[in-house]
PDB file of N, CA and C in Angstrom:
ATOM      1  N   UNK A   1      22.829 255.128  75.238  1.00  0.00           N
ATOM      2  CA  UNK A   1      23.207 256.334  74.683  1.00  0.00           C
ATOM      3  C   UNK A   1      24.214 256.286  73.412  1.00  0.00           C
ATOM      4  N   UNK A   2      24.106 257.105  73.260  1.00  0.00           N
ATOM      5  CA  UNK A   2      25.280 256.832  71.563  1.00  0.00           C
ATOM      6  C   UNK A   2      26.643 257.926  71.725  1.00  0.00           C
ATOM      7  N   UNK A   3      27.270 257.149  71.445  1.00  0.00           N
ATOM      8  CA  UNK A   3      28.954 257.738  71.921  1.00  0.00           C
ATOM      9  C   UNK A   3      29.708 258.071  70.296  1.00  0.00           C
ATOM     10  N   UNK A   4      30.128 259.263  70.229  1.00  0.00           N
ATOM     11  CA  UNK A   4      30.789 259.753  69.083  1.00  0.00           C
ATOM     12  C   UNK A   4      32.679 259.514  69.714  1.00  0.00           C
ATOM     13  N   UNK A   5      32.814 258.937  69.231  1.00  0.00           N
ATOM     14  CA  UNK A   5      34.908 258.299  69.782  1.00  0.00           C
ATOM     15  C   UNK A   5      35.385 259.631  68.684  1.00  0.00           C
ATOM     16  N   UNK A   6      34.893 260.438  67.578  1.00  0.00           N
ATOM     17  CA  UNK A   6      35.589 261.431  66.309  1.00  0.00           C
ATOM     18  C   UNK A   6      36.635 261.977  67.263  1.00  0.00           C
ATOM     19  N   UNK A   7      36.986 263.716  66.766  1.00  0.00           N
ATOM     20  CA  UNK A   7      38.223 264.434  66.923  1.00  0.00           C
ATOM     21  C   UNK A   7      36.661 265.009  67.065  1.00  0.00           C
ATOM     22  N   UNK A   8      36.578 266.363  68.000  1.00  0.00           N
ATOM     23  CA  UNK A   8      36.197 267.566  68.207  1.00  0.00           C
ATOM     24  C   UNK A   8      35.725 268.043  66.617  1.00  0.00           C
ATOM     25  N   UNK A   9      36.707 268.094  65.350  1.00  0.00           N
ATOM     26  CA  UNK A   9      36.407 269.353  64.423  1.00  0.00           C
ATOM     27  C   UNK A   9      35.802 267.988  63.830  1.00  0.00           C
ATOM     28  N   UNK A  10      36.006 266.916  63.776  1.00  0.00           N
ATOM     29  CA  UNK A  10      34.830 265.485  62.925  1.00  0.00           C
ATOM     30  C   UNK A  10      33.663 266.180  63.586  1.00  0.00           C
ATOM     31  N   UNK A  11      33.515 265.571  64.679  1.00  0.00           N
ATOM     32  CA  UNK A  11      32.139 266.046  65.497  1.00  0.00           C
ATOM     33  C   UNK A  11      31.458 267.443  64.853  1.00  0.00           C
ATOM     34  N   UNK A  12      31.761 268.419  64.819  1.00  0.00           N
ATOM     35  CA  UNK A  12      31.562 270.006  64.569  1.00  0.00           C
ATOM     36  C   UNK A  12      30.642 269.448  63.008  1.00  0.00           C
ATOM     37  N   UNK A  13      31.657 268.635  62.024  1.00  0.00           N
ATOM     38  CA  UNK A  13      31.124 268.657  60.439  1.00  0.00           C
ATOM     39  C   UNK A  13      29.760 267.654  60.587  1.00  0.00           C
ATOM     40  N   UNK A  14      29.424 267.113  61.320  1.00  0.00           N
ATOM     41  CA  UNK A  14      28.147 266.478  61.606  1.00  0.00           C
ATOM     42  C   UNK A  14      28.000 265.476  62.779  1.00  0.00           C
ATOM     43  N   UNK A  15      27.332 264.728  63.038  1.00  0.00           N
ATOM     44  CA  UNK A  15      26.979 264.165  64.110  1.00  0.00           C
ATOM     45  C   UNK A  15      25.609 263.007  64.199  1.00  0.00           C
ATOM     46  N   UNK A  16      25.781 262.462  65.024  1.00  0.00           N
ATOM     47  CA  UNK A  16      24.617 262.138  65.367  1.00  0.00           C
ATOM     48  C   UNK A  16      23.836 262.941  66.142  1.00  0.00           C
ATOM     49  N   UNK A  17      21.959 262.801  65.952  1.00  0.00           N
ATOM     50  CA  UNK A  17      21.509 263.968  66.992  1.00  0.00           C
ATOM     51  C   UNK A  17      21.187 263.002  68.233  1.00  0.00           C
ATOM     52  N   UNK A  18      21.695 263.974  69.071  1.00  0.00           N
ATOM     53  CA  UNK A  18      21.746 263.475  70.276  1.00  0.00           C
ATOM     54  C   UNK A  18      22.812 262.382  70.766  1.00  0.00           C
ATOM     55  N   UNK A  19      23.899 262.236  69.879  1.00  0.00           N
ATOM     56  CA  UNK A  19      25.670 262.154  70.139  1.00  0.00           C
ATOM     57  C   UNK A  19      26.366 263.231  71.586  1.00  0.00           C
ATOM     58  N   UNK A  20      26.859 261.903  71.858  1.00  0.00           N
ATOM     59  CA  UNK A  20      27.987 262.559  72.819  1.00  0.00           C
ATOM     60  C   UNK A  20      29.257 262.399  72.641  1.00  0.00           C
ATOM     61  N   UNK A  21      30.381 264.094  72.429  1.00  0.00           N
ATOM     62  CA  UNK A  21      31.703 263.294  71.754  1.00  0.00           C
ATOM     63  C   UNK A  21      32.501 263.044  73.011  1.00  0.00           C
ATOM     64  N   UNK A  22      32.893 261.951  72.881  1.00  0.00           N
ATOM     65  CA  UNK A  22      34.450 261.141  74.076  1.00  0.00           C
ATOM     66  C   UNK A  22      35.103 260.581  72.672  1.00  0.00           C
ATOM     67  N   UNK A  23      36.218 261.861  72.670  1.00  0.00           N
ATOM     68  CA  UNK A  23      37.336 261.698  71.802  1.00  0.00           C
ATOM     69  C   UNK A  23      38.186 260.302  71.655  1.00  0.00           C
ATOM     70  N   UNK A  24      37.806 259.192  70.957  1.00  0.00           N
ATOM     71  CA  UNK A  24      39.035 258.313  71.390  1.00  0.00           C
ATOM     72  C   UNK A  24      41.065 259.030  71.678  1.00  0.00           C
ATOM     73  N   UNK A  25      40.831 259.895  70.963  1.00  0.00           N
ATOM     74  CA  UNK A  25      42.519 260.453  70.540  1.00  0.00           C
ATOM     75  C   UNK A  25      42.918 261.117  72.078  1.00  0.00           C
ATOM     76  N   UNK A  26      41.989 262.015  72.572  1.00  0.00           N
ATOM     77  CA  UNK A  26      41.688 262.691  73.713  1.00  0.00           C
ATOM     78  C   UNK A  26      42.890 261.747  74.594  1.00  0.00           C
ATOM     79  N   UNK A  27      43.735 261.837  75.716  1.00  0.00           N
ATOM     80  CA  UNK A  27      44.465 261.613  76.434  1.00  0.00           C
ATOM     81  C   UNK A  27      43.404 261.351  78.583  1.00  0.00           C
ATOM     82  N   UNK A  28      42.061 261.967  77.837  1.00  0.00           N
ATOM     83  CA  UNK A  28      41.576 262.207  79.162  1.00  0.00           C
ATOM     84  C   UNK A  28      40.216 260.571  78.607  1.00  0.00           C
ATOM     85  N   UNK A  29      40.733 260.492  78.045  1.00  0.00           N
ATOM     86  CA  UNK A  29      38.991 259.105  77.028  1.00  0.00           C
ATOM     87  C   UNK A  29      39.121 257.887  78.350  1.00  0.00           C
ATOM     88  N   UNK A  30      39.898 257.679  78.690  1.00  0.00           N
ATOM     89  CA  UNK A  30      40.441 256.544  79.785  1.00  0.00           C
ATOM     90  C   UNK A  30      38.903 256.654  81.204  1.00  0.00           C
ATOM     91  N   UNK A  31      39.603 258.098  81.088  1.00  0.00           N
ATOM     92  CA  UNK A  31      38.789 258.534  82.447  1.00  0.00           C
ATOM     93  C   UNK A  31      37.317 259.015  82.257  1.00  0.00           C
ATOM     94  N   UNK A  32      37.171 259.167  81.058  1.00  0.00           N
ATOM     95  CA  UNK A  32      36.012 260.001  80.484  1.00  0.00           C
ATOM     96  C   UNK A  32      35.036 258.330  80.807  1.00  0.00           C
ATOM     97  N   UNK A  33      35.391 258.148  80.164  1.00  0.00           N
ATOM     98  CA  UNK A  33      34.235 256.302  80.238  1.00  0.00           C
ATOM     99  C   UNK A  33      34.337 255.478  81.245  1.00  0.00           C
ATOM    100  N   UNK A  34      35.498 256.087  81.987  1.00  0.00           N
ATOM    101  CA  UNK A  34      35.377 255.348  83.259  1.00  0.00           C
ATOM    102  C   UNK A  34      33.850 255.729  84.537  1.00  0.00           C
ATOM    103  N   UNK A  35      33.658 257.472  83.684  1.00  0.00           N
ATOM    104  CA  UNK A  35      32.532 257.763  84.705  1.00  0.00           C
ATOM    105  C   UNK A  35      31.207 257.098  83.860  1.00  0.00           C
ATOM    106  N   UNK A  36      30.897 256.637  83.250  1.00  0.00           N
ATOM    107  CA  UNK A  36      30.048 255.870  82.279  1.00  0.00           C
ATOM    108  C   UNK A  36      29.014 254.813  83.266  1.00  0.00           C
ATOM    109  N   UNK A  37      27.775 254.918  82.840  1.00  0.00           N
ATOM    110  CA  UNK A  37      27.359 253.952  83.813  1.00  0.00           C
ATOM    111  C   UNK A  37      27.771 252.529  83.356  1.00  0.00           C
ATOM    112  N   UNK A  38      28.130 251.420  84.003  1.00  0.00           N
ATOM    113  CA  UNK A  38      28.268 250.315  83.349  1.00  0.00           C
ATOM    114  C   UNK A  38      27.606 249.418  83.198  1.00  0.00           C
ATOM    115  N   UNK A  39      25.817 250.015  83.918  1.00  0.00           N
ATOM    116  CA  UNK A  39      24.513 248.737  83.067  1.00  0.00           C
ATOM    117  C   UNK A  39      23.485 249.461  82.044  1.00  0.00           C
ATOM    118  N   UNK A  40      24.751 250.882  81.811  1.00  0.00           N
ATOM    119  CA  UNK A  40      23.582 251.249  80.494  1.00  0.00           C
ATOM    120  C   UNK A  40      24.050 251.171  79.095  1.00  0.00           C
ATOM    121  N   UNK A  41      23.249 251.414  77.788  1.00  0.00           N
ATOM    122  CA  UNK A  41      23.432 250.624  77.382  1.00  0.00           C
ATOM    123  C   UNK A  41      24.088 251.444  75.501  1.00  0.00           C
ATOM    124  N   UNK A  42      25.348 251.361  75.081  1.00  0.00           N
ATOM    125  CA  UNK A  42      25.838 252.038  74.130  1.00  0.00           C
ATOM    126  C   UNK A  42      26.119 252.031  73.114  1.00  0.00           C
ATOM    127  N   UNK A  43      26.374 253.220  72.162  1.00  0.00           N
ATOM    128  CA  UNK A  43      26.213 253.107  70.666  1.00  0.00           C
ATOM    129  C   UNK A  43      27.268 253.282  70.441  1.00  0.00           C
ATOM    130  N   UNK A  44      28.292 252.892  69.663  1.00  0.00           N
ATOM    131  CA  UNK A  44      30.040 253.763  69.797  1.00  0.00           C
ATOM    132  C   UNK A  44      30.043 254.116  68.057  1.00  0.00           C
ATOM    133  N   UNK A  45      30.217 254.688  67.832  1.00  0.00           N
ATOM    134  CA  UNK A  45      30.871 254.967  66.432  1.00  0.00           C
ATOM    135  C   UNK A  45      31.912 255.782  65.798  1.00  0.00           C
ATOM    136  N   UNK A  46      32.317 256.134  64.776  1.00  0.00           N
ATOM    137  CA  UNK A  46      33.393 256.645  64.411  1.00  0.00           C
ATOM    138  C   UNK A  46      33.540 256.760  63.015  1.00  0.00           C
ATOM    139  N   UNK A  47      34.714 257.202  62.736  1.00  0.00           N
ATOM    140  CA  UNK A  47      34.924 257.805  61.182  1.00  0.00           C
ATOM    141  C   UNK A  47      34.300 256.582  59.736  1.00  0.00           C
ATOM    142  N   UNK A  48      35.518 255.656  60.564  1.00  0.00           N
ATOM    143  CA  UNK A  48      35.212 254.365  59.173  1.00  0.00           C
ATOM    144  C   UNK A  48      35.208 253.351  60.234  1.00  0.00           C
ATOM    145  N   UNK A  49      35.407 253.065  61.027  1.00  0.00           N
ATOM    146  CA  UNK A  49      35.249 251.646  62.654  1.00  0.00           C
ATOM    147  C   UNK A  49      36.156 251.258  62.996  1.00  0.00           C
ATOM    148  N   UNK A  50      37.168 252.039  62.648  1.00  0.00           N
ATOM    149  CA  UNK A  50      38.857 251.762  63.728  1.00  0.00           C
ATOM    150  C   UNK A  50      38.857 252.177  64.524  1.00  0.00           C
ATOM    151  N   UNK A  51      38.822 253.181  65.408  1.00  0.00           N
ATOM    152  CA  UNK A  51      38.359 254.083  66.507  1.00  0.00           C
ATOM    153  C   UNK A  51      37.087 253.302  67.436  1.00  0.00           C
ATOM    154  N   UNK A  52      36.054 252.991  66.716  1.00  0.00           N
ATOM    155  CA  UNK A  52      34.643 252.993  67.484  1.00  0.00           C
ATOM    156  C   UNK A  52      35.242 251.171  67.980  1.00  0.00           C
ATOM    157  N   UNK A  53      36.136 250.725  67.269  1.00  0.00           N
ATOM    158  CA  UNK A  53      36.409 248.928  67.624  1.00  0.00           C
ATOM    159  C   UNK A  53      37.005 248.813  68.974  1.00  0.00           C
ATOM    160  N   UNK A  54      37.600 250.022  68.740  1.00  0.00           N
ATOM    161  CA  UNK A  54      39.245 250.426  69.871  1.00  0.00           C
ATOM    162  C   UNK A  54      38.607 250.927  71.028  1.00  0.00           C
ATOM    163  N   UNK A  55      37.752 251.431  70.537  1.00  0.00           N
ATOM    164  CA  UNK A  55      36.918 252.579  72.108  1.00  0.00           C
ATOM    165  C   UNK A  55      35.898 251.098  72.513  1.00  0.00           C
ATOM    166  N   UNK A  56      35.127 250.419  71.820  1.00  0.00           N
ATOM    167  CA  UNK A  56      34.365 249.282  72.189  1.00  0.00           C
ATOM    168  C   UNK A  56      35.106 248.396  72.913  1.00  0.00           C
ATOM    169  N   UNK A  57      35.888 248.101  72.813  1.00  0.00           N
ATOM    170  CA  UNK A  57      37.276 247.190  73.355  1.00  0.00           C
ATOM    171  C   UNK A  57      37.239 247.974  74.685  1.00  0.00           C
ATOM    172  N   UNK A  58      37.854 249.061  75.472  1.00  0.00           N
ATOM    173  CA  UNK A  58      38.424 249.823  75.641  1.00  0.00           C
ATOM    174  C   UNK A  58      37.299 250.263  77.030  1.00  0.00           C
ATOM    175  N   UNK A  59      35.874 249.962  76.639  1.00  0.00           N
ATOM    176  CA  UNK A  59      34.912 250.718  77.402  1.00  0.00           C
ATOM    177  C   UNK A  59      34.453 248.705  77.827  1.00  0.00           C
ATOM    178  N   UNK A  60      35.031 248.211  77.498  1.00  0.00           N
ATOM    179  CA  UNK A  60      34.762 246.458  78.219  1.00  0.00           C
ATOM    180  C   UNK A  60      35.467 245.991  78.993  1.00  0.00           C
ATOM    181  N   UNK A  61      36.635 247.272  79.062  1.00  0.00           N
ATOM    182  CA  UNK A  61      38.032 247.029  79.781  1.00  0.00           C
ATOM    183  C   UNK A  61      37.308 247.264  81.547  1.00  0.00           C
ATOM    184  N   UNK A  62      36.821 248.245  81.541  1.00  0.00           N
ATOM    185  CA  UNK A  62      36.206 249.464  82.328  1.00  0.00           C
ATOM    186  C   UNK A  62      34.805 248.446  82.909  1.00  0.00           C
ATOM    187  N   UNK A  63      34.249 247.745  82.390  1.00  0.00           N
ATOM    188  CA  UNK A  63      33.457 246.790  82.867  1.00  0.00           C
ATOM    189  C   UNK A  63      31.710 247.096  82.087  1.00  0.00           C
ATOM    190  N   UNK A  64      31.823 247.648  80.935  1.00  0.00           N
ATOM    191  CA  UNK A  64      30.897 248.311  80.357  1.00  0.00           C
ATOM    192  C   UNK A  64      30.209 246.863  79.343  1.00  0.00           C
ATOM    193  N   UNK A  65      29.478 245.894  79.823  1.00  0.00           N
ATOM    194  CA  UNK A  65      28.831 245.219  78.273  1.00  0.00           C
ATOM    195  C   UNK A  65      27.775 245.491  77.399  1.00  0.00           C
ATOM    196  N   UNK A  66      27.321 246.510  77.633  1.00  0.00           N
ATOM    197  CA  UNK A  66      26.072 246.462  76.835  1.00  0.00           C
ATOM    198  C   UNK A  66      26.618 247.210  75.292  1.00  0.00           C
ATOM    199  N   UNK A  67      27.583 247.178  74.410  1.00  0.00           N
ATOM    200  CA  UNK A  67      27.801 248.178  73.470  1.00  0.00           C
ATOM    201  C   UNK A  67      27.716 247.400  72.344  1.00  0.00           C
ATOM    202  N   UNK A  68      26.991 248.564  71.292  1.00  0.00           N
ATOM    203  CA  UNK A  68      27.230 247.914  69.771  1.00  0.00           C
ATOM    204  C   UNK A  68      27.621 249.422  69.526  1.00  0.00           C
ATOM    205  N   UNK A  69      29.182 248.890  68.488  1.00  0.00           N
ATOM    206  CA  UNK A  69      30.017 248.994  67.526  1.00  0.00           C
ATOM    207  C   UNK A  69      29.559 249.356  66.262  1.00  0.00           C
ATOM    208  N   UNK A  70      28.792 250.159  66.185  1.00  0.00           N
ATOM    209  CA  UNK A  70      28.196 250.448  64.599  1.00  0.00           C
ATOM    210  C   UNK A  70      29.246 251.031  63.739  1.00  0.00           C
ATOM    211  N   UNK A  71      30.396 251.060  63.955  1.00  0.00           N
ATOM    212  CA  UNK A  71      31.111 251.749  62.707  1.00  0.00           C
ATOM    213  C   UNK A  71      31.554 252.800  61.874  1.00  0.00           C
ATOM    214  N   UNK A  72      30.967 253.328  61.230  1.00  0.00           N
ATOM    215  CA  UNK A  72      31.063 254.791  60.651  1.00  0.00           C
ATOM    216  C   UNK A  72      29.787 255.152  60.704  1.00  0.00           C
ATOM    217  N   UNK A  73      30.099 257.004  61.271  1.00  0.00           N
ATOM    218  CA  UNK A  73      28.214 257.727  61.579  1.00  0.00           C
ATOM    219  C   UNK A  73      27.888 258.005  60.146  1.00  0.00           C
ATOM    220  N   UNK A  74      28.132 257.056  58.876  1.00  0.00           N
ATOM    221  CA  UNK A  74      27.017 256.649  58.479  1.00  0.00           C
ATOM    222  C   UNK A  74      26.206 255.493  58.489  1.00  0.00           C
ATOM    223  N   UNK A  75      27.192 254.460  58.623  1.00  0.00           N
ATOM    224  CA  UNK A  75      26.677 253.504  59.393  1.00  0.00           C
ATOM    225  C   UNK A  75      25.541 253.043  60.234  1.00  0.00           C
ATOM    226  N   UNK A  76      25.533 254.288  61.278  1.00  0.00           N
ATOM    227  CA  UNK A  76      25.033 254.493  62.571  1.00  0.00           C
ATOM    228  C   UNK A  76      24.088 255.087  62.415  1.00  0.00           C
ATOM    229  N   UNK A  77      24.196 255.848  61.268  1.00  0.00           N
ATOM    230  CA  UNK A  77      22.916 256.695  60.778  1.00  0.00           C
ATOM    231  C   UNK A  77      22.083 255.583  60.392  1.00  0.00           C
ATOM    232  N   UNK A  78      22.735 255.210  59.739  1.00  0.00           N
ATOM    233  CA  UNK A  78      21.604 253.363  58.636  1.00  0.00           C
ATOM    234  C   UNK A  78      21.222 252.977  59.609  1.00  0.00           C
ATOM    235  N   UNK A  79      22.031 252.105  60.630  1.00  0.00           N
ATOM    236  CA  UNK A  79      21.612 251.125  61.569  1.00  0.00           C
ATOM    237  C   UNK A  79      20.663 251.721  62.402  1.00  0.00           C
ATOM    238  N   UNK A  80      20.584 252.549  63.282  1.00  0.00           N
ATOM    239  CA  UNK A  80      19.662 253.440  64.234  1.00  0.00           C
ATOM    240  C   UNK A  80      18.447 253.877  63.447  1.00  0.00           C
ATOM    241  N   UNK A  81      18.307 254.660  62.693  1.00  0.00           N
ATOM    242  CA  UNK A  81      17.446 255.718  61.688  1.00  0.00           C
ATOM    243  C   UNK A  81      17.423 256.900  62.154  1.00  0.00           C
ATOM    244  N   UNK A  82      18.933 257.297  63.286  1.00  0.00           N
ATOM    245  CA  UNK A  82      18.975 258.917  63.521  1.00  0.00           C
ATOM    246  C   UNK A  82      19.607 259.476  62.806  1.00  0.00           C
ATOM    247  N   UNK A  83      19.025 260.458  62.657  1.00  0.00           N
ATOM    248  CA  UNK A  83      19.829 261.918  61.929  1.00  0.00           C
ATOM    249  C   UNK A  83      20.747 262.176  62.064  1.00  0.00           C
ATOM    250  N   UNK A  84      21.918 262.286  60.804  1.00  0.00           N
ATOM    251  CA  UNK A  84      22.764 262.989  60.601  1.00  0.00           C
ATOM    252  C   UNK A  84      22.593 264.514  61.088  1.00  0.00           C
ATOM    253  N   UNK A  85      22.899 265.189  61.821  1.00  0.00           N
ATOM    254  CA  UNK A  85      22.978 267.003  62.356  1.00  0.00           C
ATOM    255  C   UNK A  85      24.666 267.710  61.350  1.00  0.00           C
ATOM    256  N   UNK A  86      24.292 267.890  60.582  1.00  0.00           N
ATOM    257  CA  UNK A  86      25.064 268.810  60.198  1.00  0.00           C
ATOM    258  C   UNK A  86      25.955 269.638  60.659  1.00  0.00           C
ATOM    259  N   UNK A  87      26.575 269.858  60.725  1.00  0.00           N
ATOM    260  CA  UNK A  87      27.901 271.489  61.034  1.00  0.00           C
ATOM    261  C   UNK A  87      27.455 272.313  61.155  1.00  0.00           C
TER     262      UNK A  87
END
């Protein structure tokens, strides 16, 4: 599962095909990640890598262990080969 932790406005401008938006800045972020399957594999990205690193740490705190932080949208696309969908 690919998770975009940017804001809805950033997501609307472009995102990885198939990504799910869980806004790191939203107060419901912790509640949203708590609903995730702790046995699944996740790829996380943001704009520059700062929020994705913080999000990955919070995900680990709720028991998710298979997390790949790919930093920026562009890097995530390059590393996964998944296309960026333009908003």
